[in-house]
PDB file of all heavy atoms in Angstrom:
ATOM      1  N   GLU A   1     -14.438  -1.969   6.865  1.00  0.00           N
ATOM      2  CA  GLU A   1     -13.313  -2.858   6.571  1.00  0.00           C
ATOM      3  C   GLU A   1     -13.212  -3.153   5.080  1.00  0.00           C
ATOM      4  O   GLU A   1     -12.116  -3.168   4.517  1.00  0.00           O
ATOM      5  CB  GLU A   1     -13.446  -4.167   7.360  1.00  0.00           C
ATOM      6  CG  GLU A   1     -13.233  -4.019   8.851  1.00  0.00           C
ATOM      7  CD  GLU A   1     -11.854  -3.496   9.197  1.00  0.00           C
ATOM      8  OE1 GLU A   1     -10.888  -3.799   8.469  1.00  0.00           O
ATOM      9  OE2 GLU A   1     -11.740  -2.748  10.184  1.00  0.00           O
ATOM     10  N   HIS A   2     -14.337  -3.373   4.417  1.00  0.00           N
ATOM     11  CA  HIS A   2     -14.314  -3.607   2.975  1.00  0.00           C
ATOM     12  C   HIS A   2     -13.834  -2.355   2.232  1.00  0.00           C
ATOM     13  O   HIS A   2     -13.077  -2.456   1.257  1.00  0.00           O
ATOM     14  CB  HIS A   2     -15.706  -4.011   2.474  1.00  0.00           C
ATOM     15  CG  HIS A   2     -16.180  -5.340   2.966  1.00  0.00           C
ATOM     16  ND1 HIS A   2     -15.468  -6.509   2.762  1.00  0.00           N
ATOM     17  CD2 HIS A   2     -17.297  -5.707   3.652  1.00  0.00           C
ATOM     18  CE1 HIS A   2     -16.116  -7.531   3.294  1.00  0.00           C
ATOM     19  NE2 HIS A   2     -17.237  -7.069   3.842  1.00  0.00           N
ATOM     20  N   TYR A   3     -14.264  -1.187   2.689  1.00  0.00           N
ATOM     21  CA  TYR A   3     -13.806   0.077   2.089  1.00  0.00           C
ATOM     22  C   TYR A   3     -12.298   0.223   2.247  1.00  0.00           C
ATOM     23  O   TYR A   3     -11.585   0.576   1.295  1.00  0.00           O
ATOM     24  CB  TYR A   3     -14.521   1.248   2.767  1.00  0.00           C
ATOM     25  CG  TYR A   3     -13.953   2.608   2.428  1.00  0.00           C
ATOM     26  CD1 TYR A   3     -14.297   3.242   1.238  1.00  0.00           C
ATOM     27  CD2 TYR A   3     -13.079   3.255   3.295  1.00  0.00           C
ATOM     28  CE1 TYR A   3     -13.781   4.492   0.920  1.00  0.00           C
ATOM     29  CE2 TYR A   3     -12.558   4.500   2.988  1.00  0.00           C
ATOM     30  CZ  TYR A   3     -12.916   5.121   1.802  1.00  0.00           C
ATOM     31  OH  TYR A   3     -12.385   6.352   1.496  1.00  0.00           O
ATOM     32  N   ARG A   4     -11.794  -0.083   3.444  1.00  0.00           N
ATOM     33  CA  ARG A   4     -10.362   0.019   3.704  1.00  0.00           C
ATOM     34  C   ARG A   4      -9.566  -0.909   2.785  1.00  0.00           C
ATOM     35  O   ARG A   4      -8.539  -0.526   2.227  1.00  0.00           O
ATOM     36  CB  ARG A   4     -10.080  -0.304   5.169  1.00  0.00           C
ATOM     37  CG  ARG A   4      -8.609  -0.243   5.539  1.00  0.00           C
ATOM     38  CD  ARG A   4      -8.368  -0.595   6.990  1.00  0.00           C
ATOM     39  NE  ARG A   4      -8.839   0.454   7.869  1.00  0.00           N
ATOM     40  CZ  ARG A   4      -9.803   0.327   8.767  1.00  0.00           C
ATOM     41  NH1 ARG A   4     -10.412  -0.839   8.909  1.00  0.00           N
ATOM     42  NH2 ARG A   4     -10.163   1.332   9.536  1.00  0.00           N
ATOM     43  N   GLU A   5     -10.057  -2.139   2.614  1.00  0.00           N
ATOM     44  CA  GLU A   5      -9.349  -3.088   1.756  1.00  0.00           C
ATOM     45  C   GLU A   5      -9.322  -2.617   0.304  1.00  0.00           C
ATOM     46  O   GLU A   5      -8.312  -2.785  -0.390  1.00  0.00           O
ATOM     47  CB  GLU A   5     -10.003  -4.474   1.846  1.00  0.00           C
ATOM     48  CG  GLU A   5      -9.736  -5.190   3.155  1.00  0.00           C
ATOM     49  CD  GLU A   5      -8.250  -5.326   3.435  1.00  0.00           C
ATOM     50  OE1 GLU A   5      -7.525  -5.885   2.575  1.00  0.00           O
ATOM     51  OE2 GLU A   5      -7.800  -4.870   4.492  1.00  0.00           O
ATOM     52  N   ASP A   6     -10.403  -2.025  -0.168  1.00  0.00           N
ATOM     53  CA  ASP A   6     -10.420  -1.523  -1.543  1.00  0.00           C
ATOM     54  C   ASP A   6      -9.453  -0.351  -1.712  1.00  0.00           C
ATOM     55  O   ASP A   6      -8.801  -0.220  -2.762  1.00  0.00           O
ATOM     56  CB  ASP A   6     -11.841  -1.093  -1.929  1.00  0.00           C
ATOM     57  CG  ASP A   6     -12.745  -2.282  -2.236  1.00  0.00           C
ATOM     58  OD1 ASP A   6     -12.211  -3.407  -2.383  1.00  0.00           O
ATOM     59  OD2 ASP A   6     -13.977  -2.089  -2.318  1.00  0.00           O
ATOM     60  N   GLN A   7      -9.324   0.482  -0.692  1.00  0.00           N
ATOM     61  CA  GLN A   7      -8.353   1.582  -0.748  1.00  0.00           C
ATOM     62  C   GLN A   7      -6.928   1.058  -0.761  1.00  0.00           C
ATOM     63  O   GLN A   7      -6.055   1.598  -1.441  1.00  0.00           O
ATOM     64  CB  GLN A   7      -8.576   2.536   0.422  1.00  0.00           C
ATOM     65  CG  GLN A   7      -9.853   3.348   0.345  1.00  0.00           C
ATOM     66  CD  GLN A   7      -9.902   4.215  -0.902  1.00  0.00           C
ATOM     67  OE1 GLN A   7      -9.031   5.043  -1.134  1.00  0.00           O
ATOM     68  NE2 GLN A   7     -10.931   4.019  -1.718  1.00  0.00           N
ATOM     69  N   TYR A   8      -6.674  -0.018  -0.016  1.00  0.00           N
ATOM     70  CA  TYR A   8      -5.342  -0.635  -0.042  1.00  0.00           C
ATOM     71  C   TYR A   8      -5.004  -1.132  -1.448  1.00  0.00           C
ATOM     72  O   TYR A   8      -3.855  -1.036  -1.893  1.00  0.00           O
ATOM     73  CB  TYR A   8      -5.277  -1.805   0.946  1.00  0.00           C
ATOM     74  CG  TYR A   8      -5.201  -1.409   2.398  1.00  0.00           C
ATOM     75  CD1 TYR A   8      -5.704  -2.252   3.389  1.00  0.00           C
ATOM     76  CD2 TYR A   8      -4.635  -0.204   2.797  1.00  0.00           C
ATOM     77  CE1 TYR A   8      -5.635  -1.910   4.733  1.00  0.00           C
ATOM     78  CE2 TYR A   8      -4.566   0.150   4.127  1.00  0.00           C
ATOM     79  CZ  TYR A   8      -5.068  -0.710   5.101  1.00  0.00           C
ATOM     80  OH  TYR A   8      -4.992  -0.359   6.418  1.00  0.00           O
ATOM     81  N   LYS A   9      -5.995  -1.680  -2.144  1.00  0.00           N
ATOM     82  CA  LYS A   9      -5.755  -2.163  -3.508  1.00  0.00           C
ATOM     83  C   LYS A   9      -5.393  -1.000  -4.430  1.00  0.00           C
ATOM     84  O   LYS A   9      -4.478  -1.102  -5.256  1.00  0.00           O
ATOM     85  CB  LYS A   9      -7.001  -2.881  -4.043  1.00  0.00           C
ATOM     86  CG  LYS A   9      -7.330  -4.187  -3.339  1.00  0.00           C
ATOM     87  CD  LYS A   9      -8.628  -4.784  -3.891  1.00  0.00           C
ATOM     88  CE  LYS A   9      -9.018  -6.038  -3.122  1.00  0.00           C
ATOM     89  NZ  LYS A   9     -10.320  -6.579  -3.613  1.00  0.00           N
ATOM     90  N   ILE A  10      -6.097   0.104  -4.279  1.00  0.00           N
ATOM     91  CA  ILE A  10      -5.853   1.271  -5.125  1.00  0.00           C
ATOM     92  C   ILE A  10      -4.440   1.818  -4.906  1.00  0.00           C
ATOM     93  O   ILE A  10      -3.745   2.204  -5.858  1.00  0.00           O
ATOM     94  CB  ILE A  10      -6.903   2.371  -4.830  1.00  0.00           C
ATOM     95  CG1 ILE A  10      -8.292   1.903  -5.288  1.00  0.00           C
ATOM     96  CG2 ILE A  10      -6.524   3.687  -5.505  1.00  0.00           C
ATOM     97  CD1 ILE A  10      -9.423   2.820  -4.860  1.00  0.00           C
ATOM     98  N   HIS A  11      -3.983   1.824  -3.650  1.00  0.00           N
ATOM     99  CA  HIS A  11      -2.689   2.424  -3.308  1.00  0.00           C
ATOM    100  C   HIS A  11      -1.574   1.387  -3.143  1.00  0.00           C
ATOM    101  O   HIS A  11      -0.536   1.687  -2.544  1.00  0.00           O
ATOM    102  CB  HIS A  11      -2.829   3.226  -2.018  1.00  0.00           C
ATOM    103  CG  HIS A  11      -3.807   4.358  -2.112  1.00  0.00           C
ATOM    104  ND1 HIS A  11      -3.639   5.424  -2.961  1.00  0.00           N
ATOM    105  CD2 HIS A  11      -4.994   4.572  -1.466  1.00  0.00           C
ATOM    106  CE1 HIS A  11      -4.663   6.259  -2.840  1.00  0.00           C
ATOM    107  NE2 HIS A  11      -5.496   5.771  -1.946  1.00  0.00           N
ATOM    108  N   GLU A  12      -1.785   0.199  -3.692  1.00  0.00           N
ATOM    109  CA  GLU A  12      -0.820  -0.885  -3.492  1.00  0.00           C
ATOM    110  C   GLU A  12       0.583  -0.514  -3.982  1.00  0.00           C
ATOM    111  O   GLU A  12       1.578  -0.718  -3.272  1.00  0.00           O
ATOM    112  CB  GLU A  12      -1.297  -2.146  -4.204  1.00  0.00           C
ATOM    113  CG  GLU A  12      -0.362  -3.325  -4.055  1.00  0.00           C
ATOM    114  CD  GLU A  12      -0.930  -4.602  -4.655  1.00  0.00           C
ATOM    115  OE1 GLU A  12      -2.035  -4.536  -5.245  1.00  0.00           O
ATOM    116  OE2 GLU A  12      -0.273  -5.660  -4.525  1.00  0.00           O
ATOM    117  N   GLU A  13       0.697   0.015  -5.172  1.00  0.00           N
ATOM    118  CA  GLU A  13       2.015   0.338  -5.724  1.00  0.00           C
ATOM    119  C   GLU A  13       2.738   1.374  -4.865  1.00  0.00           C
ATOM    120  O   GLU A  13       3.934   1.239  -4.576  1.00  0.00           O
ATOM    121  CB  GLU A  13       1.865   0.861  -7.150  1.00  0.00           C
ATOM    122  CG  GLU A  13       3.197   1.162  -7.835  1.00  0.00           C
ATOM    123  CD  GLU A  13       3.017   1.602  -9.273  1.00  0.00           C
ATOM    124  OE1 GLU A  13       1.869   1.594  -9.772  1.00  0.00           O
ATOM    125  OE2 GLU A  13       4.026   1.970  -9.910  1.00  0.00           O
ATOM    126  N   ARG A  14       2.020   2.400  -4.425  1.00  0.00           N
ATOM    127  CA  ARG A  14       2.613   3.422  -3.556  1.00  0.00           C
ATOM    128  C   ARG A  14       3.091   2.826  -2.245  1.00  0.00           C
ATOM    129  O   ARG A  14       4.209   3.117  -1.776  1.00  0.00           O
ATOM    130  CB  ARG A  14       1.574   4.517  -3.281  1.00  0.00           C
ATOM    131  CG  ARG A  14       2.034   5.615  -2.347  1.00  0.00           C
ATOM    132  CD  ARG A  14       0.849   6.333  -1.733  1.00  0.00           C
ATOM    133  NE  ARG A  14       0.090   5.448  -0.839  1.00  0.00           N
ATOM    134  CZ  ARG A  14      -1.057   5.807  -0.249  1.00  0.00           C
ATOM    135  NH1 ARG A  14      -1.592   6.996  -0.502  1.00  0.00           N
ATOM    136  NH2 ARG A  14      -1.668   4.971   0.566  1.00  0.00           N
ATOM    137  N   ASP A  15       2.260   1.980  -1.624  1.00  0.00           N
ATOM    138  CA  ASP A  15       2.604   1.403  -0.321  1.00  0.00           C
ATOM    139  C   ASP A  15       3.813   0.472  -0.418  1.00  0.00           C
ATOM    140  O   ASP A  15       4.683   0.474   0.455  1.00  0.00           O
ATOM    141  CB  ASP A  15       1.401   0.636   0.249  1.00  0.00           C
ATOM    142  CG  ASP A  15       0.250   1.556   0.627  1.00  0.00           C
ATOM    143  OD1 ASP A  15       0.480   2.769   0.774  1.00  0.00           O
ATOM    144  OD2 ASP A  15      -0.882   1.046   0.767  1.00  0.00           O
ATOM    145  N   VAL A  16       3.868  -0.333  -1.479  1.00  0.00           N
ATOM    146  CA  VAL A  16       4.995  -1.257  -1.652  1.00  0.00           C
ATOM    147  C   VAL A  16       6.289  -0.472  -1.848  1.00  0.00           C
ATOM    148  O   VAL A  16       7.340  -0.801  -1.275  1.00  0.00           O
ATOM    149  CB  VAL A  16       4.746  -2.219  -2.831  1.00  0.00           C
ATOM    150  CG1 VAL A  16       6.018  -2.983  -3.194  1.00  0.00           C
ATOM    151  CG2 VAL A  16       3.621  -3.191  -2.494  1.00  0.00           C
ATOM    152  N   LYS A  17       6.247   0.575  -2.659  1.00  0.00           N
ATOM    153  CA  LYS A  17       7.442   1.381  -2.908  1.00  0.00           C
ATOM    154  C   LYS A  17       7.953   2.014  -1.621  1.00  0.00           C
ATOM    155  O   LYS A  17       9.167   1.992  -1.332  1.00  0.00           O
ATOM    156  CB  LYS A  17       7.124   2.462  -3.935  1.00  0.00           C
ATOM    157  CG  LYS A  17       8.326   3.342  -4.272  1.00  0.00           C
ATOM    158  CD  LYS A  17       7.956   4.408  -5.300  1.00  0.00           C
ATOM    159  CE  LYS A  17       9.164   5.308  -5.600  1.00  0.00           C
ATOM    160  NZ  LYS A  17       8.824   6.357  -6.600  1.00  0.00           N
ATOM    161  N   LYS A  18       7.042   2.570  -0.818  1.00  0.00           N
ATOM    162  CA  LYS A  18       7.450   3.180   0.451  1.00  0.00           C
ATOM    163  C   LYS A  18       8.029   2.145   1.396  1.00  0.00           C
ATOM    164  O   LYS A  18       9.032   2.383   2.083  1.00  0.00           O
ATOM    165  CB  LYS A  18       6.249   3.870   1.096  1.00  0.00           C
ATOM    166  CG  LYS A  18       6.574   4.568   2.412  1.00  0.00           C
ATOM    167  CD  LYS A  18       5.345   5.236   2.990  1.00  0.00           C
ATOM    168  CE  LYS A  18       5.672   5.905   4.328  1.00  0.00           C
ATOM    169  NZ  LYS A  18       4.461   6.537   4.928  1.00  0.00           N
ATOM    170  N   CYS A  19       7.415   0.968   1.448  1.00  0.00           N
ATOM    171  CA  CYS A  19       7.897  -0.119   2.298  1.00  0.00           C
ATOM    172  C   CYS A  19       9.309  -0.534   1.894  1.00  0.00           C
ATOM    173  O   CYS A  19      10.186  -0.723   2.746  1.00  0.00           O
ATOM    174  CB  CYS A  19       6.937  -1.305   2.210  1.00  0.00           C
ATOM    175  SG  CYS A  19       7.472  -2.799   3.068  1.00  0.00           S
ATOM    176  N   GLU A  20       9.548  -0.678   0.604  1.00  0.00           N
ATOM    177  CA  GLU A  20      10.864  -1.092   0.129  1.00  0.00           C
ATOM    178  C   GLU A  20      11.922  -0.039   0.430  1.00  0.00           C
ATOM    179  O   GLU A  20      13.063  -0.370   0.785  1.00  0.00           O
ATOM    180  CB  GLU A  20      10.803  -1.388  -1.368  1.00  0.00           C
ATOM    181  CG  GLU A  20       9.991  -2.634  -1.685  1.00  0.00           C
ATOM    182  CD  GLU A  20       9.825  -2.879  -3.172  1.00  0.00           C
ATOM    183  OE1 GLU A  20      10.034  -1.917  -3.955  1.00  0.00           O
ATOM    184  OE2 GLU A  20       9.470  -4.005  -3.558  1.00  0.00           O
ATOM    185  N   GLU A  21      11.563   1.228   0.306  1.00  0.00           N
ATOM    186  CA  GLU A  21      12.515   2.300   0.638  1.00  0.00           C
ATOM    187  C   GLU A  21      12.871   2.272   2.116  1.00  0.00           C
ATOM    188  O   GLU A  21      14.049   2.403   2.489  1.00  0.00           O
ATOM    189  CB  GLU A  21      11.909   3.661   0.262  1.00  0.00           C
ATOM    190  CG  GLU A  21      11.794   3.886  -1.239  1.00  0.00           C
ATOM    191  CD  GLU A  21      11.043   5.162  -1.571  1.00  0.00           C
ATOM    192  OE1 GLU A  21      10.454   5.771  -0.642  1.00  0.00           O
ATOM    193  OE2 GLU A  21      11.026   5.556  -2.764  1.00  0.00           O
ATOM    194  N   ASN A  22      11.872   2.093   2.972  1.00  0.00           N
ATOM    195  CA  ASN A  22      12.134   2.028   4.414  1.00  0.00           C
ATOM    196  C   ASN A  22      12.913   0.774   4.786  1.00  0.00           C
ATOM    197  O   ASN A  22      13.791   0.801   5.660  1.00  0.00           O
ATOM    198  CB  ASN A  22      10.816   2.083   5.182  1.00  0.00           C
ATOM    199  CG  ASN A  22      10.199   3.466   5.205  1.00  0.00           C
ATOM    200  OD1 ASN A  22      10.898   4.468   5.112  1.00  0.00           O
ATOM    201  ND2 ASN A  22       8.883   3.533   5.325  1.00  0.00           N
ATOM    202  N   ARG A  23      12.591  -0.347   4.150  1.00  0.00           N
ATOM    203  CA  ARG A  23      13.340  -1.585   4.380  1.00  0.00           C
ATOM    204  C   ARG A  23      14.817  -1.394   4.072  1.00  0.00           C
ATOM    205  O   ARG A  23      15.691  -1.772   4.871  1.00  0.00           O
ATOM    206  CB  ARG A  23      12.755  -2.693   3.497  1.00  0.00           C
ATOM    207  CG  ARG A  23      13.538  -4.004   3.503  1.00  0.00           C
ATOM    208  CD  ARG A  23      13.248  -4.818   2.252  1.00  0.00           C
ATOM    209  NE  ARG A  23      13.666  -4.104   1.038  1.00  0.00           N
ATOM    210  CZ  ARG A  23      13.333  -4.479  -0.191  1.00  0.00           C
ATOM    211  NH1 ARG A  23      12.560  -5.529  -0.384  1.00  0.00           N
ATOM    212  NH2 ARG A  23      13.766  -3.781  -1.238  1.00  0.00           N
ATOM    213  N   ASP A  24      15.115  -0.819   2.913  1.00  0.00           N
ATOM    214  CA  ASP A  24      16.505  -0.613   2.522  1.00  0.00           C
ATOM    215  C   ASP A  24      17.219   0.323   3.484  1.00  0.00           C
ATOM    216  O   ASP A  24      18.393   0.111   3.819  1.00  0.00           O
ATOM    217  CB  ASP A  24      16.565  -0.060   1.094  1.00  0.00           C
ATOM    218  CG  ASP A  24      16.046  -1.051   0.054  1.00  0.00           C
ATOM    219  OD1 ASP A  24      15.916  -2.248   0.387  1.00  0.00           O
ATOM    220  OD2 ASP A  24      15.758  -0.618  -1.077  1.00  0.00           O
TER     221      ASP A  24
END
């Protein structure tokens, strides 16, 4: 779980951009 959270931090910008594109 700690490893997963650190990976989320690394890929935060990518994930937010994809989320915003799908939201729109």
